[in-house]
């Protein structure tokens, strides 16, 4: 079974939330949702339908699909909070991620800490939440960047996707998977591919008939036809993977 080396990604909270989009829709139908209420953009949806017959089947099977319904399963998060979530979730299960995040929040009155608050806590106290030494160090390095003004919600929102990836991956412990997840969750960027994500690779394997989980290069090549709407294609594929698992 061919596969490329994988770093900085796993089936964590982000992936699980995305593939549970249909469940979130059903739970929240009929009430307003911050960020998750909008149906799939019709221009993007039609572009993908016309360009890829496999996606056309997935799209036509989900006429009321809300690609960001999974936001209802996440607490309100700013850029720093989103990155905390992303870093903690690296290579962990959904339940493990949520347990650690919950413990961390308990130390800060039931919410995510600000950069200054996180740096005020001793590294061993962060590790007591259940995270590894490496992740604690990554979060402290992130907090320092935000506190120094090198990073902020405003500056990140103004950057291109490539600039954000380059900026975030300068920090030890943050790789492409985490930066791409940030682009999707925090900024709703329309053309992001999680090429190394295990759940997405399995979804593509099933939908497109690969005899192996596609490599990251194979994923990138396949997704060229989805530009400039790769994020929406990813959402439909995640939804198909969740439904296959039910």
C-alpha atoms as a PDB file:
ATOM      1  CA  UNK A   1       0.000   0.000   0.000  1.00  0.00           C
ATOM      2  CA  UNK A   2       1.668   3.183  -1.184  1.00  0.00           C
ATOM      3  CA  UNK A   3       1.629   6.283   0.942  1.00  0.00           C
ATOM      4  CA  UNK A   4       3.747   9.352   1.520  1.00  0.00           C
ATOM      5  CA  UNK A   5       5.304  10.268   4.845  1.00  0.00           C
ATOM      6  CA  UNK A   6       2.797  12.156   6.955  1.00  0.00           C
ATOM      7  CA  UNK A   7       3.593  14.881   9.440  1.00  0.00           C
ATOM      8  CA  UNK A   8       1.541  17.301  11.453  1.00  0.00           C
ATOM      9  CA  UNK A   9      -1.824  15.670  10.828  1.00  0.00           C
ATOM     10  CA  UNK A  10      -4.185  12.987  12.052  1.00  0.00           C
ATOM     11  CA  UNK A  11      -7.864  12.196  12.510  1.00  0.00           C
ATOM     12  CA  UNK A  12      -8.439  14.875  15.127  1.00  0.00           C
ATOM     13  CA  UNK A  13     -11.195  17.227  16.234  1.00  0.00           C
ATOM     14  CA  UNK A  14     -11.211  19.284  13.045  1.00  0.00           C
ATOM     15  CA  UNK A  15     -11.605  16.335  10.713  1.00  0.00           C
ATOM     16  CA  UNK A  16     -14.201  14.659  12.880  1.00  0.00           C
ATOM     17  CA  UNK A  17     -16.193  17.880  13.122  1.00  0.00           C
ATOM     18  CA  UNK A  18     -16.147  18.349   9.372  1.00  0.00           C
ATOM     19  CA  UNK A  19     -17.273  14.829   8.587  1.00  0.00           C
ATOM     20  CA  UNK A  20     -20.052  15.200  11.133  1.00  0.00           C
ATOM     21  CA  UNK A  21     -21.456  18.206   9.266  1.00  0.00           C
ATOM     22  CA  UNK A  22     -24.653  16.395   8.382  1.00  0.00           C
ATOM     23  CA  UNK A  23     -25.275  15.500  12.022  1.00  0.00           C
ATOM     24  CA  UNK A  24     -24.695  19.113  13.060  1.00  0.00           C
ATOM     25  CA  UNK A  25     -27.179  20.266  10.428  1.00  0.00           C
ATOM     26  CA  UNK A  26     -29.869  17.985  11.784  1.00  0.00           C
ATOM     27  CA  UNK A  27     -29.252  19.070  15.384  1.00  0.00           C
ATOM     28  CA  UNK A  28     -29.340  22.779  14.550  1.00  0.00           C
ATOM     29  CA  UNK A  29     -31.953  22.908  11.792  1.00  0.00           C
ATOM     30  CA  UNK A  30     -34.308  25.823  12.059  1.00  0.00           C
ATOM     31  CA  UNK A  31     -32.184  28.117  14.246  1.00  0.00           C
ATOM     32  CA  UNK A  32     -29.559  30.704  13.487  1.00  0.00           C
ATOM     33  CA  UNK A  33     -25.941  29.570  13.436  1.00  0.00           C
ATOM     34  CA  UNK A  34     -22.869  31.724  13.554  1.00  0.00           C
ATOM     35  CA  UNK A  35     -20.726  30.790  10.563  1.00  0.00           C
ATOM     36  CA  UNK A  36     -22.501  27.523   9.830  1.00  0.00           C
ATOM     37  CA  UNK A  37     -25.862  28.724   8.506  1.00  0.00           C
ATOM     38  CA  UNK A  38     -24.931  29.366   4.885  1.00  0.00           C
ATOM     39  CA  UNK A  39     -25.553  26.690   2.298  1.00  0.00           C
ATOM     40  CA  UNK A  40     -22.809  25.827  -0.158  1.00  0.00           C
ATOM     41  CA  UNK A  41     -22.004  28.670  -2.534  1.00  0.00           C
ATOM     42  CA  UNK A  42     -23.981  27.907  -5.716  1.00  0.00           C
ATOM     43  CA  UNK A  43     -21.238  29.164  -8.027  1.00  0.00           C
ATOM     44  CA  UNK A  44     -18.622  26.962  -6.375  1.00  0.00           C
ATOM     45  CA  UNK A  45     -20.984  24.014  -6.213  1.00  0.00           C
ATOM     46  CA  UNK A  46     -21.817  24.238  -9.921  1.00  0.00           C
ATOM     47  CA  UNK A  47     -18.151  24.641 -10.844  1.00  0.00           C
ATOM     48  CA  UNK A  48     -17.308  21.423  -9.004  1.00  0.00           C
ATOM     49  CA  UNK A  49     -20.319  19.583 -10.453  1.00  0.00           C
ATOM     50  CA  UNK A  50     -19.317  20.414 -14.008  1.00  0.00           C
ATOM     51  CA  UNK A  51     -15.648  19.669 -13.574  1.00  0.00           C
ATOM     52  CA  UNK A  52     -15.711  16.370 -11.674  1.00  0.00           C
ATOM     53  CA  UNK A  53     -18.340  13.629 -12.200  1.00  0.00           C
ATOM     54  CA  UNK A  54     -17.493  11.988  -8.869  1.00  0.00           C
ATOM     55  CA  UNK A  55     -18.079  15.211  -6.974  1.00  0.00           C
ATOM     56  CA  UNK A  56     -21.245  15.749  -8.986  1.00  0.00           C
ATOM     57  CA  UNK A  57     -22.693  12.585  -7.440  1.00  0.00           C
ATOM     58  CA  UNK A  58     -21.674  13.661  -3.928  1.00  0.00           C
ATOM     59  CA  UNK A  59     -23.088  17.145  -4.429  1.00  0.00           C
ATOM     60  CA  UNK A  60     -26.376  16.020  -5.972  1.00  0.00           C
ATOM     61  CA  UNK A  61     -26.903  13.594  -3.090  1.00  0.00           C
ATOM     62  CA  UNK A  62     -26.721  16.513  -0.612  1.00  0.00           C
ATOM     63  CA  UNK A  63     -28.886  19.356  -1.946  1.00  0.00           C
ATOM     64  CA  UNK A  64     -29.150  21.082   1.449  1.00  0.00           C
ATOM     65  CA  UNK A  65     -25.508  20.710   2.434  1.00  0.00           C
ATOM     66  CA  UNK A  66     -24.096  23.347   4.807  1.00  0.00           C
ATOM     67  CA  UNK A  67     -20.298  23.009   4.556  1.00  0.00           C
ATOM     68  CA  UNK A  68     -19.560  24.940   7.758  1.00  0.00           C
ATOM     69  CA  UNK A  69     -22.298  23.526   9.971  1.00  0.00           C
ATOM     70  CA  UNK A  70     -19.571  21.907  12.051  1.00  0.00           C
ATOM     71  CA  UNK A  71     -18.721  25.337  13.495  1.00  0.00           C
ATOM     72  CA  UNK A  72     -21.673  24.871  15.815  1.00  0.00           C
ATOM     73  CA  UNK A  73     -19.707  22.098  17.540  1.00  0.00           C
ATOM     74  CA  UNK A  74     -16.810  24.420  18.350  1.00  0.00           C
ATOM     75  CA  UNK A  75     -16.734  27.166  20.994  1.00  0.00           C
ATOM     76  CA  UNK A  76     -16.273  30.749  19.764  1.00  0.00           C
ATOM     77  CA  UNK A  77     -12.569  31.066  19.007  1.00  0.00           C
ATOM     78  CA  UNK A  78     -10.266  33.871  17.929  1.00  0.00           C
ATOM     79  CA  UNK A  79      -7.119  33.175  15.915  1.00  0.00           C
ATOM     80  CA  UNK A  80      -5.048  32.265  18.963  1.00  0.00           C
ATOM     81  CA  UNK A  81      -7.768  30.010  20.359  1.00  0.00           C
ATOM     82  CA  UNK A  82      -8.164  28.254  17.028  1.00  0.00           C
ATOM     83  CA  UNK A  83      -4.439  27.564  16.909  1.00  0.00           C
ATOM     84  CA  UNK A  84      -4.518  26.189  20.458  1.00  0.00           C
ATOM     85  CA  UNK A  85      -7.247  23.804  19.333  1.00  0.00           C
ATOM     86  CA  UNK A  86      -5.270  22.837  16.238  1.00  0.00           C
ATOM     87  CA  UNK A  87      -1.986  22.233  18.040  1.00  0.00           C
ATOM     88  CA  UNK A  88      -3.529  20.190  20.853  1.00  0.00           C
ATOM     89  CA  UNK A  89      -5.400  18.064  18.319  1.00  0.00           C
ATOM     90  CA  UNK A  90      -2.330  17.044  16.321  1.00  0.00           C
ATOM     91  CA  UNK A  91      -2.231  13.241  16.069  1.00  0.00           C
ATOM     92  CA  UNK A  92      -4.903  12.766  18.736  1.00  0.00           C
ATOM     93  CA  UNK A  93      -8.393  11.308  18.718  1.00  0.00           C
ATOM     94  CA  UNK A  94     -11.447  13.505  19.066  1.00  0.00           C
ATOM     95  CA  UNK A  95     -12.061  12.442  22.661  1.00  0.00           C
ATOM     96  CA  UNK A  96      -8.451  12.956  23.729  1.00  0.00           C
ATOM     97  CA  UNK A  97      -8.362  16.406  22.142  1.00  0.00           C
ATOM     98  CA  UNK A  98     -11.544  17.521  23.838  1.00  0.00           C
ATOM     99  CA  UNK A  99     -10.386  16.178  27.199  1.00  0.00           C
ATOM    100  CA  UNK A 100      -7.152  18.165  27.077  1.00  0.00           C
ATOM    101  CA  UNK A 101      -8.881  21.307  25.815  1.00  0.00           C
ATOM    102  CA  UNK A 102     -11.463  21.014  28.590  1.00  0.00           C
ATOM    103  CA  UNK A 103      -8.752  20.698  31.237  1.00  0.00           C
ATOM    104  CA  UNK A 104      -6.954  23.705  29.823  1.00  0.00           C
ATOM    105  CA  UNK A 105     -10.132  25.755  29.814  1.00  0.00           C
ATOM    106  CA  UNK A 106     -10.839  24.822  33.425  1.00  0.00           C
ATOM    107  CA  UNK A 107      -7.612  26.603  34.374  1.00  0.00           C
ATOM    108  CA  UNK A 108      -8.918  29.799  32.763  1.00  0.00           C
ATOM    109  CA  UNK A 109     -12.495  30.045  33.933  1.00  0.00           C
ATOM    110  CA  UNK A 110     -13.965  27.735  31.303  1.00  0.00           C
ATOM    111  CA  UNK A 111     -12.507  29.483  28.258  1.00  0.00           C
ATOM    112  CA  UNK A 112      -9.404  29.490  26.122  1.00  0.00           C
ATOM    113  CA  UNK A 113      -6.547  31.585  27.533  1.00  0.00           C
ATOM    114  CA  UNK A 114      -5.270  34.754  25.946  1.00  0.00           C
ATOM    115  CA  UNK A 115      -1.594  34.779  24.909  1.00  0.00           C
ATOM    116  CA  UNK A 116      -0.641  36.673  28.076  1.00  0.00           C
ATOM    117  CA  UNK A 117      -2.606  34.282  30.272  1.00  0.00           C
ATOM    118  CA  UNK A 118      -1.036  31.232  28.687  1.00  0.00           C
ATOM    119  CA  UNK A 119       2.472  32.596  29.198  1.00  0.00           C
ATOM    120  CA  UNK A 120       1.681  33.313  32.838  1.00  0.00           C
ATOM    121  CA  UNK A 121       1.225  29.578  33.462  1.00  0.00           C
ATOM    122  CA  UNK A 122       4.263  27.413  34.121  1.00  0.00           C
ATOM    123  CA  UNK A 123       5.063  24.861  31.378  1.00  0.00           C
ATOM    124  CA  UNK A 124       4.455  22.011  33.816  1.00  0.00           C
ATOM    125  CA  UNK A 125       0.956  23.337  34.454  1.00  0.00           C
ATOM    126  CA  UNK A 126       0.225  23.213  30.731  1.00  0.00           C
ATOM    127  CA  UNK A 127       1.522  19.666  30.615  1.00  0.00           C
ATOM    128  CA  UNK A 128      -0.750  18.809  33.542  1.00  0.00           C
ATOM    129  CA  UNK A 129      -3.663  19.347  31.158  1.00  0.00           C
ATOM    130  CA  UNK A 130      -2.443  16.300  29.261  1.00  0.00           C
ATOM    131  CA  UNK A 131      -0.494  17.831  26.402  1.00  0.00           C
ATOM    132  CA  UNK A 132       3.040  16.814  25.520  1.00  0.00           C
ATOM    133  CA  UNK A 133       6.159  18.860  26.254  1.00  0.00           C
ATOM    134  CA  UNK A 134       6.449  19.661  22.566  1.00  0.00           C
ATOM    135  CA  UNK A 135       2.893  20.956  22.277  1.00  0.00           C
ATOM    136  CA  UNK A 136       3.273  23.050  25.423  1.00  0.00           C
ATOM    137  CA  UNK A 137       6.428  24.579  23.938  1.00  0.00           C
ATOM    138  CA  UNK A 138       4.636  25.224  20.637  1.00  0.00           C
ATOM    139  CA  UNK A 139       1.769  26.992  22.387  1.00  0.00           C
ATOM    140  CA  UNK A 140       4.163  29.157  24.374  1.00  0.00           C
ATOM    141  CA  UNK A 141       6.025  30.087  21.189  1.00  0.00           C
ATOM    142  CA  UNK A 142       2.701  30.975  19.555  1.00  0.00           C
ATOM    143  CA  UNK A 143       1.655  33.065  22.554  1.00  0.00           C
ATOM    144  CA  UNK A 144       4.927  34.998  22.392  1.00  0.00           C
ATOM    145  CA  UNK A 145       4.307  35.819  18.705  1.00  0.00           C
ATOM    146  CA  UNK A 146       0.828  37.115  19.487  1.00  0.00           C
ATOM    147  CA  UNK A 147       1.964  39.048  22.537  1.00  0.00           C
ATOM    148  CA  UNK A 148       4.844  40.649  20.623  1.00  0.00           C
ATOM    149  CA  UNK A 149       2.443  41.728  17.888  1.00  0.00           C
ATOM    150  CA  UNK A 150       4.013  39.551  15.210  1.00  0.00           C
ATOM    151  CA  UNK A 151       0.684  37.731  14.918  1.00  0.00           C
ATOM    152  CA  UNK A 152      -2.861  38.984  15.422  1.00  0.00           C
ATOM    153  CA  UNK A 153      -6.364  38.309  14.141  1.00  0.00           C
ATOM    154  CA  UNK A 154      -6.099  41.387  11.960  1.00  0.00           C
ATOM    155  CA  UNK A 155      -2.675  40.648  10.465  1.00  0.00           C
ATOM    156  CA  UNK A 156      -3.501  37.022   9.729  1.00  0.00           C
ATOM    157  CA  UNK A 157      -6.780  37.965   8.052  1.00  0.00           C
ATOM    158  CA  UNK A 158      -4.876  40.264   5.674  1.00  0.00           C
ATOM    159  CA  UNK A 159      -2.316  37.634   4.649  1.00  0.00           C
ATOM    160  CA  UNK A 160      -2.589  35.338   1.658  1.00  0.00           C
ATOM    161  CA  UNK A 161      -2.897  31.612   2.240  1.00  0.00           C
ATOM    162  CA  UNK A 162       0.757  31.129   1.318  1.00  0.00           C
ATOM    163  CA  UNK A 163       1.871  33.909   3.652  1.00  0.00           C
ATOM    164  CA  UNK A 164      -0.069  32.403   6.553  1.00  0.00           C
ATOM    165  CA  UNK A 165       1.426  28.974   5.955  1.00  0.00           C
ATOM    166  CA  UNK A 166       4.936  30.409   5.727  1.00  0.00           C
ATOM    167  CA  UNK A 167       4.447  32.489   8.879  1.00  0.00           C
ATOM    168  CA  UNK A 168       2.918  29.740  11.017  1.00  0.00           C
ATOM    169  CA  UNK A 169       5.286  26.975   9.938  1.00  0.00           C
ATOM    170  CA  UNK A 170       8.230  29.055  11.137  1.00  0.00           C
ATOM    171  CA  UNK A 171       7.084  28.101  14.635  1.00  0.00           C
ATOM    172  CA  UNK A 172       8.447  24.722  15.784  1.00  0.00           C
ATOM    173  CA  UNK A 173       5.633  22.200  16.070  1.00  0.00           C
ATOM    174  CA  UNK A 174       3.427  23.764  13.412  1.00  0.00           C
ATOM    175  CA  UNK A 175       3.407  22.253   9.948  1.00  0.00           C
ATOM    176  CA  UNK A 176       1.247  22.458   6.828  1.00  0.00           C
ATOM    177  CA  UNK A 177      -1.634  20.417   8.283  1.00  0.00           C
ATOM    178  CA  UNK A 178      -2.099  22.789  11.217  1.00  0.00           C
ATOM    179  CA  UNK A 179      -1.773  25.912   9.082  1.00  0.00           C
ATOM    180  CA  UNK A 180      -4.220  24.573   6.488  1.00  0.00           C
ATOM    181  CA  UNK A 181      -6.690  23.679   9.216  1.00  0.00           C
ATOM    182  CA  UNK A 182      -6.390  27.216  10.542  1.00  0.00           C
ATOM    183  CA  UNK A 183      -7.164  28.612   7.097  1.00  0.00           C
ATOM    184  CA  UNK A 184     -10.374  26.590   6.966  1.00  0.00           C
ATOM    185  CA  UNK A 185     -11.591  26.972  10.543  1.00  0.00           C
ATOM    186  CA  UNK A 186     -10.581  30.526  11.395  1.00  0.00           C
ATOM    187  CA  UNK A 187     -10.660  32.270   8.035  1.00  0.00           C
ATOM    188  CA  UNK A 188     -13.014  30.213   5.832  1.00  0.00           C
ATOM    189  CA  UNK A 189     -10.565  30.386   2.938  1.00  0.00           C
ATOM    190  CA  UNK A 190     -12.136  28.829  -0.179  1.00  0.00           C
ATOM    191  CA  UNK A 191      -9.183  27.049  -1.792  1.00  0.00           C
ATOM    192  CA  UNK A 192      -7.521  24.909   0.883  1.00  0.00           C
ATOM    193  CA  UNK A 193      -6.586  21.247   0.472  1.00  0.00           C
ATOM    194  CA  UNK A 194      -5.778  19.070   3.493  1.00  0.00           C
ATOM    195  CA  UNK A 195      -3.726  16.778   1.308  1.00  0.00           C
ATOM    196  CA  UNK A 196      -2.246  14.768   4.165  1.00  0.00           C
ATOM    197  CA  UNK A 197      -5.398  14.327   6.225  1.00  0.00           C
ATOM    198  CA  UNK A 198      -6.068  10.640   6.805  1.00  0.00           C
ATOM    199  CA  UNK A 199      -9.867  10.903   6.738  1.00  0.00           C
ATOM    200  CA  UNK A 200      -9.772  12.878   3.493  1.00  0.00           C
ATOM    201  CA  UNK A 201      -7.398  10.378   1.899  1.00  0.00           C
ATOM    202  CA  UNK A 202      -9.743   7.537   2.849  1.00  0.00           C
ATOM    203  CA  UNK A 203     -12.703   9.445   1.412  1.00  0.00           C
ATOM    204  CA  UNK A 204     -10.872   9.976  -1.875  1.00  0.00           C
ATOM    205  CA  UNK A 205      -9.796   6.338  -1.973  1.00  0.00           C
ATOM    206  CA  UNK A 206     -13.413   5.203  -1.685  1.00  0.00           C
ATOM    207  CA  UNK A 207     -14.976   7.792  -3.952  1.00  0.00           C
ATOM    208  CA  UNK A 208     -12.403   7.613  -6.743  1.00  0.00           C
ATOM    209  CA  UNK A 209     -11.603   3.894  -6.597  1.00  0.00           C
ATOM    210  CA  UNK A 210      -7.959   4.055  -5.551  1.00  0.00           C
ATOM    211  CA  UNK A 211      -6.537   0.696  -4.463  1.00  0.00           C
ATOM    212  CA  UNK A 212      -4.570   2.536  -1.776  1.00  0.00           C
ATOM    213  CA  UNK A 213      -4.918   5.719   0.243  1.00  0.00           C
ATOM    214  CA  UNK A 214      -3.669   8.321  -2.245  1.00  0.00           C
ATOM    215  CA  UNK A 215      -0.368   9.958  -1.519  1.00  0.00           C
ATOM    216  CA  UNK A 216      -0.163  13.667  -0.869  1.00  0.00           C
ATOM    217  CA  UNK A 217       1.157  14.165  -4.411  1.00  0.00           C
ATOM    218  CA  UNK A 218      -1.760  12.188  -5.829  1.00  0.00           C
ATOM    219  CA  UNK A 219      -4.159  14.218  -3.708  1.00  0.00           C
ATOM    220  CA  UNK A 220      -2.672  17.480  -4.969  1.00  0.00           C
ATOM    221  CA  UNK A 221      -2.862  16.328  -8.585  1.00  0.00           C
ATOM    222  CA  UNK A 222      -6.484  15.218  -8.282  1.00  0.00           C
ATOM    223  CA  UNK A 223      -7.478  18.453  -6.544  1.00  0.00           C
ATOM    224  CA  UNK A 224      -6.129  20.691  -9.303  1.00  0.00           C
ATOM    225  CA  UNK A 225      -9.475  20.352 -11.082  1.00  0.00           C
ATOM    226  CA  UNK A 226     -11.244  21.704  -7.977  1.00  0.00           C
ATOM    227  CA  UNK A 227      -9.399  25.042  -7.915  1.00  0.00           C
ATOM    228  CA  UNK A 228     -10.369  27.661  -6.793  1.00  0.00           C
ATOM    229  CA  UNK A 229     -12.916  25.835  -4.614  1.00  0.00           C
ATOM    230  CA  UNK A 230     -10.917  23.030  -3.049  1.00  0.00           C
ATOM    231  CA  UNK A 231     -12.269  23.750   0.440  1.00  0.00           C
ATOM    232  CA  UNK A 232     -15.828  23.005  -0.661  1.00  0.00           C
ATOM    233  CA  UNK A 233     -14.739  19.823  -2.437  1.00  0.00           C
ATOM    234  CA  UNK A 234     -13.001  18.748   0.774  1.00  0.00           C
ATOM    235  CA  UNK A 235     -16.187  19.371   2.773  1.00  0.00           C
ATOM    236  CA  UNK A 236     -18.264  17.155   0.489  1.00  0.00           C
ATOM    237  CA  UNK A 237     -15.671  14.403   0.621  1.00  0.00           C
ATOM    238  CA  UNK A 238     -15.493  14.569   4.413  1.00  0.00           C
ATOM    239  CA  UNK A 239     -19.285  14.286   4.533  1.00  0.00           C
ATOM    240  CA  UNK A 240     -19.150  11.198   2.316  1.00  0.00           C
ATOM    241  CA  UNK A 241     -16.540   9.601   4.554  1.00  0.00           C
ATOM    242  CA  UNK A 242     -18.655  10.139   7.658  1.00  0.00           C
ATOM    243  CA  UNK A 243     -21.728   8.653   5.994  1.00  0.00           C
ATOM    244  CA  UNK A 244     -19.753   5.618   4.820  1.00  0.00           C
ATOM    245  CA  UNK A 245     -18.787   5.037   8.434  1.00  0.00           C
ATOM    246  CA  UNK A 246     -22.354   5.049   9.725  1.00  0.00           C
END
